[in-house]
Amino acid sequence: MFSVVQSADAECVLANLSETLASANAMLSDLAFNLEGSNRHFAFGVQQMIELSELLANRALDIVEPRQ
């Protein structure tokens, strides 16, 4: 159904990954605040993993060779 265009360079892929993770983080945050108990804790745990992944993607974006 979905694929990444073969011509997409690392900077483009990482930028899109970072934006996707930021969106997922925002959506899960909104959801978590509407939950209670263990479901809320679970959602915040997943949100933390998304935030860590976003940090890694942003760091990779910082060190990737910029486009000419």
C-alpha atoms as a PDB file:
ATOM      1  CA  MET A   1       0.000   0.000   0.000  1.00  0.00           C
ATOM      2  CA  PHE A   2       2.675   2.469   0.984  1.00  0.00           C
ATOM      3  CA  SER A   3       6.279   2.793  -0.044  1.00  0.00           C
ATOM      4  CA  VAL A   4       9.117   5.244   0.198  1.00  0.00           C
ATOM      5  CA  VAL A   5      10.269   6.708  -3.093  1.00  0.00           C
ATOM      6  CA  GLN A   6      13.644   5.208  -3.987  1.00  0.00           C
ATOM      7  CA  SER A   7      15.020   8.639  -4.928  1.00  0.00           C
ATOM      8  CA  ALA A   8      14.354  10.096  -1.448  1.00  0.00           C
ATOM      9  CA  ASP A   9      17.630  10.995   0.230  1.00  0.00           C
ATOM     10  CA  ALA A  10      18.468  10.407   3.888  1.00  0.00           C
ATOM     11  CA  GLU A  11      17.732  14.005   4.900  1.00  0.00           C
ATOM     12  CA  CYS A  12      14.247  13.889   3.374  1.00  0.00           C
ATOM     13  CA  VAL A  13      13.451  10.509   4.938  1.00  0.00           C
ATOM     14  CA  LEU A  14      14.684  11.591   8.374  1.00  0.00           C
ATOM     15  CA  ALA A  15      12.784  14.884   8.209  1.00  0.00           C
ATOM     16  CA  ASN A  16       9.567  13.049   7.383  1.00  0.00           C
ATOM     17  CA  LEU A  17      10.244  10.493  10.129  1.00  0.00           C
ATOM     18  CA  SER A  18      10.756  13.294  12.644  1.00  0.00           C
ATOM     19  CA  GLU A  19       7.501  15.001  11.622  1.00  0.00           C
ATOM     20  CA  THR A  20       5.584  11.717  11.753  1.00  0.00           C
ATOM     21  CA  LEU A  21       6.891  10.968  15.239  1.00  0.00           C
ATOM     22  CA  ALA A  22       5.999  14.493  16.393  1.00  0.00           C
ATOM     23  CA  SER A  23       2.446  13.984  15.124  1.00  0.00           C
ATOM     24  CA  ALA A  24       2.149  10.592  16.813  1.00  0.00           C
ATOM     25  CA  ASN A  25       3.476  12.135  20.029  1.00  0.00           C
ATOM     26  CA  ALA A  26       0.851  14.904  19.955  1.00  0.00           C
ATOM     27  CA  MET A  27      -2.008  12.495  19.185  1.00  0.00           C
ATOM     28  CA  LEU A  28      -1.018  10.065  21.927  1.00  0.00           C
ATOM     29  CA  SER A  29      -0.594  12.890  24.416  1.00  0.00           C
ATOM     30  CA  ASP A  30      -4.147  14.082  23.737  1.00  0.00           C
ATOM     31  CA  LEU A  31      -5.437  10.530  24.079  1.00  0.00           C
ATOM     32  CA  ALA A  32      -3.517   9.831  27.292  1.00  0.00           C
ATOM     33  CA  PHE A  33      -5.005  12.826  29.072  1.00  0.00           C
ATOM     34  CA  ASN A  34      -8.480  11.354  28.454  1.00  0.00           C
ATOM     35  CA  LEU A  35      -7.554   8.002  30.015  1.00  0.00           C
ATOM     36  CA  GLU A  36      -7.304   6.901  33.623  1.00  0.00           C
ATOM     37  CA  GLY A  37      -5.370   4.358  35.640  1.00  0.00           C
ATOM     38  CA  SER A  38      -3.193   1.745  33.989  1.00  0.00           C
ATOM     39  CA  ASN A  39      -4.382   2.684  30.480  1.00  0.00           C
ATOM     40  CA  ARG A  40      -3.120   6.227  31.058  1.00  0.00           C
ATOM     41  CA  HIS A  41       0.237   4.949  32.324  1.00  0.00           C
ATOM     42  CA  PHE A  42       0.502   2.628  29.320  1.00  0.00           C
ATOM     43  CA  ALA A  43      -0.239   5.472  26.881  1.00  0.00           C
ATOM     44  CA  PHE A  44       2.353   7.720  28.527  1.00  0.00           C
ATOM     45  CA  GLY A  45       4.900   4.889  28.342  1.00  0.00           C
ATOM     46  CA  VAL A  46       4.318   4.575  24.604  1.00  0.00           C
ATOM     47  CA  GLN A  47       4.492   8.363  24.290  1.00  0.00           C
ATOM     48  CA  GLN A  48       7.900   8.328  25.988  1.00  0.00           C
ATOM     49  CA  MET A  49       9.161   5.752  23.486  1.00  0.00           C
ATOM     50  CA  ILE A  50       7.922   7.979  20.663  1.00  0.00           C
ATOM     51  CA  GLU A  51       9.694  10.980  22.192  1.00  0.00           C
ATOM     52  CA  LEU A  52      12.946   9.019  22.453  1.00  0.00           C
ATOM     53  CA  SER A  53      12.588   7.913  18.839  1.00  0.00           C
ATOM     54  CA  GLU A  54      11.964  11.519  17.828  1.00  0.00           C
ATOM     55  CA  LEU A  55      15.163  12.586  19.601  1.00  0.00           C
ATOM     56  CA  LEU A  56      17.114   9.885  17.758  1.00  0.00           C
ATOM     57  CA  ALA A  57      15.623  10.889  14.403  1.00  0.00           C
ATOM     58  CA  ASN A  58      16.426  14.547  15.034  1.00  0.00           C
ATOM     59  CA  ARG A  59      20.001  13.695  16.041  1.00  0.00           C
ATOM     60  CA  ALA A  60      20.423  11.620  12.878  1.00  0.00           C
ATOM     61  CA  LEU A  61      19.064  14.556  10.890  1.00  0.00           C
ATOM     62  CA  ASP A  62      21.651  16.821  12.527  1.00  0.00           C
ATOM     63  CA  ILE A  63      24.555  14.583  11.461  1.00  0.00           C
ATOM     64  CA  VAL A  64      23.391  13.566   7.981  1.00  0.00           C
ATOM     65  CA  GLU A  65      25.189  15.154   5.060  1.00  0.00           C
ATOM     66  CA  PRO A  66      23.142  18.203   4.001  1.00  0.00           C
ATOM     67  CA  ARG A  67      21.863  18.399   0.448  1.00  0.00           C
ATOM     68  CA  GLN A  68      23.871  20.517  -1.956  1.00  0.00           C
END
